[in-house]
Amino acid sequence: MGVTKSEIFTKKQNKLATMLKALAHPARIAILEHVINSRSCICGDLVEELGLAQATISQHLKELKTAG
């Protein structure tokens, strides 16, 4: 079996790529900006602020959490 592409890079490089991939969506950047400014993460507030559906916000929060 061959080596997967991620195995040729360092753990640090792979972690950074995962984190940056999570940030590569404007909704996630807006979520992070809101969380930083309000110092809280209440899904209902994010729904009102961003105008996205609650399920959409939840999915984006999951992606951010998974990425660390």
N, C-alpha and C. Protein backbone atom coordinates (compact mmCIF):
# COMPACT_ATOMS: atom_id res chain seq x y z
N MET A 1 0.83 -1.19 0.00
CA MET A 1 0.00 0.00 0.00
C MET A 1 0.87 1.25 0.00
N GLY A 2 0.41 2.26 -0.68
CA GLY A 2 1.13 3.51 -0.73
C GLY A 2 0.87 4.38 0.49
N VAL A 3 1.68 5.39 0.62
CA VAL A 3 1.54 6.34 1.71
C VAL A 3 0.48 7.38 1.34
N THR A 4 -0.40 7.69 2.30
CA THR A 4 -1.37 8.74 2.02
C THR A 4 -0.66 10.08 2.02
N LYS A 5 -1.21 11.02 1.30
CA LYS A 5 -0.56 12.33 1.16
C LYS A 5 -0.32 13.01 2.50
N SER A 6 -1.26 12.91 3.44
CA SER A 6 -1.10 13.61 4.72
C SER A 6 0.06 13.05 5.54
N GLU A 7 0.42 11.81 5.30
CA GLU A 7 1.51 11.20 6.07
C GLU A 7 2.89 11.76 5.72
N ILE A 8 3.01 12.44 4.59
CA ILE A 8 4.31 12.98 4.22
C ILE A 8 4.56 14.35 4.85
N PHE A 9 3.55 14.88 5.56
CA PHE A 9 3.69 16.18 6.22
C PHE A 9 3.72 16.00 7.73
N THR A 10 4.20 17.02 8.42
CA THR A 10 4.28 16.95 9.88
C THR A 10 2.90 17.06 10.50
N LYS A 11 2.81 16.65 11.76
CA LYS A 11 1.54 16.79 12.49
C LYS A 11 1.12 18.25 12.54
N LYS A 12 2.09 19.13 12.75
CA LYS A 12 1.81 20.56 12.83
C LYS A 12 1.23 21.07 11.51
N GLN A 13 1.80 20.66 10.40
CA GLN A 13 1.32 21.08 9.10
C GLN A 13 -0.10 20.56 8.84
N ASN A 14 -0.36 19.32 9.18
CA ASN A 14 -1.69 18.75 8.99
C ASN A 14 -2.72 19.43 9.89
N LYS A 15 -2.36 19.73 11.14
CA LYS A 15 -3.28 20.40 12.05
C LYS A 15 -3.62 21.80 11.55
N LEU A 16 -2.61 22.53 11.10
CA LEU A 16 -2.82 23.88 10.58
C LEU A 16 -3.72 23.83 9.34
N ALA A 17 -3.51 22.87 8.47
CA ALA A 17 -4.34 22.74 7.27
C ALA A 17 -5.79 22.47 7.65
N THR A 18 -6.01 21.64 8.66
CA THR A 18 -7.36 21.34 9.12
C THR A 18 -8.03 22.59 9.68
N MET A 19 -7.29 23.35 10.47
CA MET A 19 -7.84 24.57 11.06
C MET A 19 -8.16 25.61 9.99
N LEU A 20 -7.26 25.77 9.04
CA LEU A 20 -7.49 26.75 7.98
C LEU A 20 -8.65 26.34 7.07
N LYS A 21 -8.80 25.04 6.86
CA LYS A 21 -9.93 24.56 6.06
C LYS A 21 -11.24 24.92 6.76
N ALA A 22 -11.27 24.80 8.08
CA ALA A 22 -12.48 25.15 8.84
C ALA A 22 -12.78 26.64 8.75
N LEU A 23 -11.76 27.45 8.58
CA LEU A 23 -11.96 28.90 8.47
C LEU A 23 -12.26 29.35 7.05
N ALA A 24 -12.23 28.43 6.11
CA ALA A 24 -12.37 28.79 4.70
C ALA A 24 -13.84 28.93 4.28
N HIS A 25 -14.66 29.41 5.17
CA HIS A 25 -16.07 29.66 4.84
C HIS A 25 -16.46 30.97 5.51
N PRO A 26 -17.05 31.89 4.77
CA PRO A 26 -17.36 33.20 5.35
C PRO A 26 -18.30 33.14 6.56
N ALA A 27 -19.20 32.18 6.58
CA ALA A 27 -20.10 32.07 7.74
C ALA A 27 -19.31 31.72 9.00
N ARG A 28 -18.32 30.88 8.88
CA ARG A 28 -17.51 30.50 10.04
C ARG A 28 -16.67 31.67 10.54
N ILE A 29 -16.19 32.46 9.61
CA ILE A 29 -15.44 33.65 10.02
C ILE A 29 -16.37 34.62 10.75
N ALA A 30 -17.59 34.79 10.23
CA ALA A 30 -18.57 35.66 10.88
C ALA A 30 -18.93 35.13 12.26
N ILE A 31 -19.07 33.83 12.39
CA ILE A 31 -19.36 33.22 13.69
C ILE A 31 -18.24 33.51 14.67
N LEU A 32 -17.01 33.30 14.25
CA LEU A 32 -15.87 33.56 15.13
C LEU A 32 -15.79 35.03 15.52
N GLU A 33 -16.03 35.93 14.58
CA GLU A 33 -16.01 37.36 14.90
C GLU A 33 -17.07 37.67 15.96
N HIS A 34 -18.26 37.12 15.79
CA HIS A 34 -19.33 37.36 16.76
C HIS A 34 -18.96 36.81 18.14
N VAL A 35 -18.43 35.61 18.16
CA VAL A 35 -18.04 34.99 19.44
C VAL A 35 -16.95 35.80 20.13
N ILE A 36 -15.98 36.25 19.38
CA ILE A 36 -14.89 37.06 19.94
C ILE A 36 -15.43 38.37 20.50
N ASN A 37 -16.30 39.02 19.76
CA ASN A 37 -16.83 40.32 20.19
C ASN A 37 -17.80 40.21 21.36
N SER A 38 -18.60 39.15 21.38
CA SER A 38 -19.61 39.02 22.44
C SER A 38 -19.13 38.17 23.61
N ARG A 39 -18.03 37.46 23.40
CA ARG A 39 -17.47 36.55 24.42
C ARG A 39 -18.46 35.49 24.86
N SER A 40 -19.36 35.14 23.95
CA SER A 40 -20.30 34.06 24.23
C SER A 40 -20.65 33.37 22.92
N CYS A 41 -21.21 32.19 23.05
CA CYS A 41 -21.60 31.43 21.87
C CYS A 41 -22.99 30.86 22.11
N ILE A 42 -23.98 31.66 21.81
CA ILE A 42 -25.37 31.25 21.95
C ILE A 42 -25.94 31.14 20.54
N CYS A 43 -26.34 29.94 20.19
CA CYS A 43 -26.79 29.68 18.82
C CYS A 43 -27.90 30.62 18.38
N GLY A 44 -28.85 30.89 19.27
CA GLY A 44 -29.96 31.78 18.92
C GLY A 44 -29.48 33.18 18.58
N ASP A 45 -28.49 33.67 19.32
CA ASP A 45 -27.91 34.99 19.01
C ASP A 45 -27.24 34.98 17.64
N LEU A 46 -26.54 33.89 17.33
CA LEU A 46 -25.88 33.79 16.03
C LEU A 46 -26.91 33.75 14.90
N VAL A 47 -28.02 33.06 15.12
CA VAL A 47 -29.08 33.01 14.11
C VAL A 47 -29.59 34.42 13.82
N GLU A 48 -29.86 35.17 14.87
CA GLU A 48 -30.35 36.54 14.70
C GLU A 48 -29.31 37.43 14.04
N GLU A 49 -28.09 37.33 14.48
CA GLU A 49 -27.00 38.19 13.99
C GLU A 49 -26.66 37.90 12.53
N LEU A 50 -26.57 36.63 12.17
CA LEU A 50 -26.10 36.26 10.84
C LEU A 50 -27.22 36.00 9.84
N GLY A 51 -28.43 35.76 10.32
CA GLY A 51 -29.54 35.50 9.41
C GLY A 51 -29.50 34.13 8.76
N LEU A 52 -28.79 33.20 9.38
CA LEU A 52 -28.74 31.84 8.88
C LEU A 52 -29.64 30.96 9.73
N ALA A 53 -30.04 29.82 9.20
CA ALA A 53 -30.88 28.89 9.94
C ALA A 53 -30.11 28.30 11.12
N GLN A 54 -30.85 27.92 12.16
CA GLN A 54 -30.22 27.34 13.35
C GLN A 54 -29.44 26.08 12.99
N ALA A 55 -29.98 25.26 12.11
CA ALA A 55 -29.28 24.03 11.71
C ALA A 55 -27.98 24.34 10.99
N THR A 56 -27.99 25.39 10.20
CA THR A 56 -26.78 25.81 9.48
C THR A 56 -25.72 26.30 10.46
N ILE A 57 -26.13 27.12 11.41
CA ILE A 57 -25.20 27.61 12.44
C ILE A 57 -24.62 26.42 13.22
N SER A 58 -25.47 25.49 13.60
CA SER A 58 -25.01 24.32 14.36
C SER A 58 -23.97 23.52 13.57
N GLN A 59 -24.21 23.35 12.28
CA GLN A 59 -23.25 22.61 11.45
C GLN A 59 -21.92 23.34 11.37
N HIS A 60 -21.94 24.65 11.21
CA HIS A 60 -20.71 25.42 11.16
C HIS A 60 -19.98 25.36 12.50
N LEU A 61 -20.71 25.44 13.60
CA LEU A 61 -20.09 25.33 14.93
C LEU A 61 -19.44 23.96 15.11
N LYS A 62 -20.09 22.93 14.60
CA LYS A 62 -19.53 21.58 14.69
C LYS A 62 -18.21 21.51 13.93
N GLU A 63 -18.16 22.09 12.73
CA GLU A 63 -16.94 22.08 11.93
C GLU A 63 -15.81 22.83 12.65
N LEU A 64 -16.14 23.96 13.25
CA LEU A 64 -15.13 24.72 13.99
C LEU A 64 -14.63 23.94 15.20
N LYS A 65 -15.54 23.32 15.91
CA LYS A 65 -15.15 22.53 17.09
C LYS A 65 -14.28 21.34 16.69
N THR A 66 -14.66 20.66 15.63
CA THR A 66 -13.90 19.50 15.16
C THR A 66 -12.48 19.91 14.78
N ALA A 67 -12.34 21.08 14.19
CA ALA A 67 -11.02 21.56 13.76
C ALA A 67 -10.16 22.05 14.93
N GLY A 68 -10.82 22.25 16.06
CA GLY A 68 -10.06 22.67 17.23
C GLY A 68 -10.05 24.17 17.42
